[in-house]
Amino acid sequence: MAKSVSKRMGRPPVDSEAITVRLRRDLLDWLDAERTKMDPEPSRPEMIRIYLEERRGRMIMKD
């Protein structure tokens, strides 16, 4: 009898490492306000990834 393969939930596996970041309340409030402007509203971690990717793109453009 063949085993069934179940789909895994969540983000696909990537070469990454989890980090913990402590942010001041005013920065978190700003981040949350920026998130509400997007549709669909990203999670806090996703919003931080978006800003990091945007910043990295700007740094590459300067080279």
PDB file of N, CA and C in Angstrom:
ATOM      1  N   MET A   1       0.836  -1.173   0.000  1.00  0.00           N
ATOM      2  CA  MET A   1       0.000   0.000   0.000  1.00  0.00           C
ATOM      3  C   MET A   1       0.882   1.238   0.000  1.00  0.00           C
ATOM      4  N   ALA A   2       0.627   2.171  -0.905  1.00  0.00           N
ATOM      5  CA  ALA A   2       1.440   3.386  -1.007  1.00  0.00           C
ATOM      6  C   ALA A   2       1.063   4.374   0.090  1.00  0.00           C
ATOM      7  N   LYS A   3       2.087   5.035   0.612  1.00  0.00           N
ATOM      8  CA  LYS A   3       1.851   6.054   1.634  1.00  0.00           C
ATOM      9  C   LYS A   3       1.382   7.339   0.957  1.00  0.00           C
ATOM     10  N   SER A   4       0.441   8.010   1.564  1.00  0.00           N
ATOM     11  CA  SER A   4      -0.009   9.283   0.999  1.00  0.00           C
ATOM     12  C   SER A   4       0.931  10.394   1.464  1.00  0.00           C
ATOM     13  N   VAL A   5       1.175  11.320   0.570  1.00  0.00           N
ATOM     14  CA  VAL A   5       2.042  12.453   0.877  1.00  0.00           C
ATOM     15  C   VAL A   5       1.148  13.638   1.215  1.00  0.00           C
ATOM     16  N   SER A   6       1.308  14.162   2.418  1.00  0.00           N
ATOM     17  CA  SER A   6       0.477  15.296   2.813  1.00  0.00           C
ATOM     18  C   SER A   6       1.230  16.598   2.560  1.00  0.00           C
ATOM     19  N   LYS A   7       0.478  17.629   2.193  1.00  0.00           N
ATOM     20  CA  LYS A   7       1.078  18.941   1.977  1.00  0.00           C
ATOM     21  C   LYS A   7       1.395  19.566   3.318  1.00  0.00           C
ATOM     22  N   ARG A   8       2.518  20.276   3.371  1.00  0.00           N
ATOM     23  CA  ARG A   8       2.894  20.958   4.592  1.00  0.00           C
ATOM     24  C   ARG A   8       2.314  22.359   4.583  1.00  0.00           C
ATOM     25  N   MET A   9       1.861  22.805   5.708  1.00  0.00           N
ATOM     26  CA  MET A   9       1.288  24.146   5.842  1.00  0.00           C
ATOM     27  C   MET A   9       2.410  25.143   6.139  1.00  0.00           C
ATOM     28  N   GLY A  10       2.143  26.419   5.856  1.00  0.00           N
ATOM     29  CA  GLY A  10       3.083  27.468   6.213  1.00  0.00           C
ATOM     30  C   GLY A  10       4.000  27.841   5.068  1.00  0.00           C
ATOM     31  N   ARG A  11       5.001  28.644   5.418  1.00  0.00           N
ATOM     32  CA  ARG A  11       5.965  29.111   4.431  1.00  0.00           C
ATOM     33  C   ARG A  11       6.801  27.941   3.913  1.00  0.00           C
ATOM     34  N   PRO A  12       7.192  27.990   2.641  1.00  0.00           N
ATOM     35  CA  PRO A  12       8.054  26.931   2.117  1.00  0.00           C
ATOM     36  C   PRO A  12       9.442  27.028   2.748  1.00  0.00           C
ATOM     37  N   PRO A  13      10.148  25.911   2.825  1.00  0.00           N
ATOM     38  CA  PRO A  13      11.483  25.949   3.421  1.00  0.00           C
ATOM     39  C   PRO A  13      12.430  26.810   2.594  1.00  0.00           C
ATOM     40  N   VAL A  14      13.194  27.628   3.275  1.00  0.00           N
ATOM     41  CA  VAL A  14      14.205  28.473   2.635  1.00  0.00           C
ATOM     42  C   VAL A  14      15.463  28.451   3.494  1.00  0.00           C
ATOM     43  N   ASP A  15      16.573  28.832   2.890  1.00  0.00           N
ATOM     44  CA  ASP A  15      17.825  28.928   3.638  1.00  0.00           C
ATOM     45  C   ASP A  15      17.753  30.213   4.459  1.00  0.00           C
ATOM     46  N   SER A  16      17.355  30.098   5.721  1.00  0.00           N
ATOM     47  CA  SER A  16      17.159  31.280   6.554  1.00  0.00           C
ATOM     48  C   SER A  16      17.452  30.949   8.006  1.00  0.00           C
ATOM     49  N   GLU A  17      17.422  31.996   8.826  1.00  0.00           N
ATOM     50  CA  GLU A  17      17.654  31.844  10.252  1.00  0.00           C
ATOM     51  C   GLU A  17      16.705  32.777  10.985  1.00  0.00           C
ATOM     52  N   ALA A  18      16.063  32.287  12.012  1.00  0.00           N
ATOM     53  CA  ALA A  18      15.142  33.105  12.804  1.00  0.00           C
ATOM     54  C   ALA A  18      15.941  34.056  13.701  1.00  0.00           C
ATOM     55  N   ILE A  19      15.435  35.285  13.835  1.00  0.00           N
ATOM     56  CA  ILE A  19      16.058  36.257  14.736  1.00  0.00           C
ATOM     57  C   ILE A  19      14.971  36.868  15.619  1.00  0.00           C
ATOM     58  N   THR A  20      15.386  37.365  16.764  1.00  0.00           N
ATOM     59  CA  THR A  20      14.484  38.073  17.660  1.00  0.00           C
ATOM     60  C   THR A  20      14.958  39.511  17.743  1.00  0.00           C
ATOM     61  N   VAL A  21      14.040  40.444  17.541  1.00  0.00           N
ATOM     62  CA  VAL A  21      14.386  41.864  17.564  1.00  0.00           C
ATOM     63  C   VAL A  21      13.465  42.559  18.550  1.00  0.00           C
ATOM     64  N   ARG A  22      14.035  43.341  19.438  1.00  0.00           N
ATOM     65  CA  ARG A  22      13.247  44.135  20.376  1.00  0.00           C
ATOM     66  C   ARG A  22      13.190  45.560  19.834  1.00  0.00           C
ATOM     67  N   LEU A  23      11.962  46.090  19.660  1.00  0.00           N
ATOM     68  CA  LEU A  23      11.769  47.422  19.098  1.00  0.00           C
ATOM     69  C   LEU A  23      11.072  48.329  20.100  1.00  0.00           C
ATOM     70  N   ARG A  24      11.408  49.617  20.058  1.00  0.00           N
ATOM     71  CA  ARG A  24      10.729  50.604  20.901  1.00  0.00           C
ATOM     72  C   ARG A  24       9.261  50.683  20.509  1.00  0.00           C
ATOM     73  N   ARG A  25       8.417  51.046  21.446  1.00  0.00           N
ATOM     74  CA  ARG A  25       6.974  51.126  21.208  1.00  0.00           C
ATOM     75  C   ARG A  25       6.650  52.088  20.074  1.00  0.00           C
ATOM     76  N   ASP A  26       7.332  53.256  19.989  1.00  0.00           N
ATOM     77  CA  ASP A  26       7.012  54.211  18.920  1.00  0.00           C
ATOM     78  C   ASP A  26       7.320  53.629  17.541  1.00  0.00           C
ATOM     79  N   LEU A  27       8.358  52.824  17.442  1.00  0.00           N
ATOM     80  CA  LEU A  27       8.695  52.196  16.165  1.00  0.00           C
ATOM     81  C   LEU A  27       7.674  51.115  15.811  1.00  0.00           C
ATOM     82  N   LEU A  28       7.240  50.359  16.804  1.00  0.00           N
ATOM     83  CA  LEU A  28       6.200  49.350  16.556  1.00  0.00           C
ATOM     84  C   LEU A  28       4.883  50.007  16.142  1.00  0.00           C
ATOM     85  N   ASP A  29       4.541  51.118  16.789  1.00  0.00           N
ATOM     86  CA  ASP A  29       3.314  51.843  16.415  1.00  0.00           C
ATOM     87  C   ASP A  29       3.395  52.318  14.973  1.00  0.00           C
ATOM     88  N   TRP A  30       4.557  52.833  14.570  1.00  0.00           N
ATOM     89  CA  TRP A  30       4.748  53.284  13.185  1.00  0.00           C
ATOM     90  C   TRP A  30       4.639  52.101  12.218  1.00  0.00           C
ATOM     91  N   LEU A  31       5.292  50.993  12.569  1.00  0.00           N
ATOM     92  CA  LEU A  31       5.254  49.808  11.716  1.00  0.00           C
ATOM     93  C   LEU A  31       3.819  49.323  11.531  1.00  0.00           C
ATOM     94  N   ASP A  32       3.063  49.285  12.620  1.00  0.00           N
ATOM     95  CA  ASP A  32       1.668  48.845  12.543  1.00  0.00           C
ATOM     96  C   ASP A  32       0.831  49.800  11.698  1.00  0.00           C
ATOM     97  N   ALA A  33       1.083  51.103  11.815  1.00  0.00           N
ATOM     98  CA  ALA A  33       0.349  52.081  11.009  1.00  0.00           C
ATOM     99  C   ALA A  33       0.651  51.883   9.526  1.00  0.00           C
ATOM    100  N   GLU A  34       1.895  51.602   9.180  1.00  0.00           N
ATOM    101  CA  GLU A  34       2.281  51.364   7.783  1.00  0.00           C
ATOM    102  C   GLU A  34       1.645  50.078   7.262  1.00  0.00           C
ATOM    103  N   ARG A  35       1.549  49.070   8.113  1.00  0.00           N
ATOM    104  CA  ARG A  35       0.943  47.792   7.711  1.00  0.00           C
ATOM    105  C   ARG A  35      -0.515  47.969   7.325  1.00  0.00           C
ATOM    106  N   THR A  36      -1.234  48.825   8.056  1.00  0.00           N
ATOM    107  CA  THR A  36      -2.666  48.991   7.791  1.00  0.00           C
ATOM    108  C   THR A  36      -2.927  49.650   6.442  1.00  0.00           C
ATOM    109  N   LYS A  37      -1.910  50.287   5.864  1.00  0.00           N
ATOM    110  CA  LYS A  37      -2.054  50.943   4.560  1.00  0.00           C
ATOM    111  C   LYS A  37      -2.003  49.946   3.408  1.00  0.00           C
ATOM    112  N   MET A  38      -1.600  48.699   3.696  1.00  0.00           N
ATOM    113  CA  MET A  38      -1.434  47.693   2.650  1.00  0.00           C
ATOM    114  C   MET A  38      -2.612  46.731   2.631  1.00  0.00           C
ATOM    115  N   ASP A  39      -2.934  46.254   1.440  1.00  0.00           N
ATOM    116  CA  ASP A  39      -4.025  45.294   1.292  1.00  0.00           C
ATOM    117  C   ASP A  39      -3.545  44.110   0.468  1.00  0.00           C
ATOM    118  N   PRO A  40      -3.466  42.935   1.012  1.00  0.00           N
ATOM    119  CA  PRO A  40      -3.834  42.569   2.368  1.00  0.00           C
ATOM    120  C   PRO A  40      -2.762  43.033   3.360  1.00  0.00           C
ATOM    121  N   GLU A  41      -3.166  43.208   4.613  1.00  0.00           N
ATOM    122  CA  GLU A  41      -2.243  43.689   5.642  1.00  0.00           C
ATOM    123  C   GLU A  41      -1.232  42.598   5.991  1.00  0.00           C
ATOM    124  N   PRO A  42       0.068  42.879   5.803  1.00  0.00           N
ATOM    125  CA  PRO A  42       1.086  41.864   6.127  1.00  0.00           C
ATOM    126  C   PRO A  42       1.286  41.746   7.636  1.00  0.00           C
ATOM    127  N   SER A  43       1.834  40.630   8.047  1.00  0.00           N
ATOM    128  CA  SER A  43       2.184  40.447   9.452  1.00  0.00           C
ATOM    129  C   SER A  43       3.384  41.344   9.775  1.00  0.00           C
ATOM    130  N   ARG A  44       3.674  41.506  11.038  1.00  0.00           N
ATOM    131  CA  ARG A  44       4.848  42.306  11.411  1.00  0.00           C
ATOM    132  C   ARG A  44       6.125  41.735  10.809  1.00  0.00           C
ATOM    133  N   PRO A  45       6.374  40.425  10.928  1.00  0.00           N
ATOM    134  CA  PRO A  45       7.596  39.890  10.319  1.00  0.00           C
ATOM    135  C   PRO A  45       7.654  40.113   8.811  1.00  0.00           C
ATOM    136  N   GLU A  46       6.511  39.939   8.126  1.00  0.00           N
ATOM    137  CA  GLU A  46       6.492  40.142   6.677  1.00  0.00           C
ATOM    138  C   GLU A  46       6.763  41.597   6.337  1.00  0.00           C
ATOM    139  N   MET A  47       6.224  42.525   7.122  1.00  0.00           N
ATOM    140  CA  MET A  47       6.451  43.949   6.872  1.00  0.00           C
ATOM    141  C   MET A  47       7.931  44.301   7.049  1.00  0.00           C
ATOM    142  N   ILE A  48       8.555  43.732   8.049  1.00  0.00           N
ATOM    143  CA  ILE A  48       9.985  43.963   8.257  1.00  0.00           C
ATOM    144  C   ILE A  48      10.774  43.401   7.086  1.00  0.00           C
ATOM    145  N   ARG A  49      10.389  42.203   6.585  1.00  0.00           N
ATOM    146  CA  ARG A  49      11.063  41.638   5.401  1.00  0.00           C
ATOM    147  C   ARG A  49      10.891  42.549   4.196  1.00  0.00           C
ATOM    148  N   ILE A  50       9.697  43.118   4.017  1.00  0.00           N
ATOM    149  CA  ILE A  50       9.444  44.030   2.894  1.00  0.00           C
ATOM    150  C   ILE A  50      10.388  45.226   2.958  1.00  0.00           C
ATOM    151  N   TYR A  51      10.484  45.853   4.136  1.00  0.00           N
ATOM    152  CA  TYR A  51      11.360  47.017   4.271  1.00  0.00           C
ATOM    153  C   TYR A  51      12.834  46.659   4.092  1.00  0.00           C
ATOM    154  N   LEU A  52      13.247  45.509   4.579  1.00  0.00           N
ATOM    155  CA  LEU A  52      14.637  45.098   4.391  1.00  0.00           C
ATOM    156  C   LEU A  52      14.943  44.862   2.916  1.00  0.00           C
ATOM    157  N   GLU A  53      14.026  44.210   2.197  1.00  0.00           N
ATOM    158  CA  GLU A  53      14.232  43.974   0.763  1.00  0.00           C
ATOM    159  C   GLU A  53      14.268  45.295  -0.008  1.00  0.00           C
ATOM    160  N   GLU A  54      13.394  46.243   0.356  1.00  0.00           N
ATOM    161  CA  GLU A  54      13.407  47.550  -0.304  1.00  0.00           C
ATOM    162  C   GLU A  54      14.736  48.258  -0.059  1.00  0.00           C
ATOM    163  N   ARG A  55      15.202  48.223   1.170  1.00  0.00           N
ATOM    164  CA  ARG A  55      16.477  48.871   1.519  1.00  0.00           C
ATOM    165  C   ARG A  55      17.631  48.205   0.779  1.00  0.00           C
ATOM    166  N   ARG A  56      17.619  46.896   0.732  1.00  0.00           N
ATOM    167  CA  ARG A  56      18.685  46.179   0.035  1.00  0.00           C
ATOM    168  C   ARG A  56      18.690  46.546  -1.450  1.00  0.00           C
ATOM    169  N   GLY A  57      17.506  46.688  -2.052  1.00  0.00           N
ATOM    170  CA  GLY A  57      17.410  47.084  -3.449  1.00  0.00           C
ATOM    171  C   GLY A  57      18.000  48.463  -3.683  1.00  0.00           C
ATOM    172  N   ARG A  58      17.746  49.394  -2.763  1.00  0.00           N
ATOM    173  CA  ARG A  58      18.318  50.743  -2.888  1.00  0.00           C
ATOM    174  C   ARG A  58      19.830  50.713  -2.777  1.00  0.00           C
ATOM    175  N   MET A  59      20.347  49.839  -1.906  1.00  0.00           N
ATOM    176  CA  MET A  59      21.793  49.754  -1.740  1.00  0.00           C
ATOM    177  C   MET A  59      22.430  49.194  -3.010  1.00  0.00           C
ATOM    178  N   ILE A  60      21.777  48.206  -3.633  1.00  0.00           N
ATOM    179  CA  ILE A  60      22.306  47.623  -4.874  1.00  0.00           C
ATOM    180  C   ILE A  60      22.292  48.659  -5.988  1.00  0.00           C
ATOM    181  N   MET A  61      21.240  49.478  -6.052  1.00  0.00           N
ATOM    182  CA  MET A  61      21.120  50.490  -7.094  1.00  0.00           C
ATOM    183  C   MET A  61      22.238  51.534  -7.004  1.00  0.00           C
ATOM    184  N   LYS A  62      22.753  51.809  -5.788  1.00  0.00           N
ATOM    185  CA  LYS A  62      23.804  52.811  -5.622  1.00  0.00           C
ATOM    186  C   LYS A  62      25.137  52.320  -6.161  1.00  0.00           C
ATOM    187  N   ASP A  63      25.347  50.996  -6.189  1.00  0.00           N
ATOM    188  CA  ASP A  63      26.637  50.437  -6.637  1.00  0.00           C
ATOM    189  C   ASP A  63      26.877  50.670  -8.114  1.00  0.00           C
TER     190      ASP A  63
END
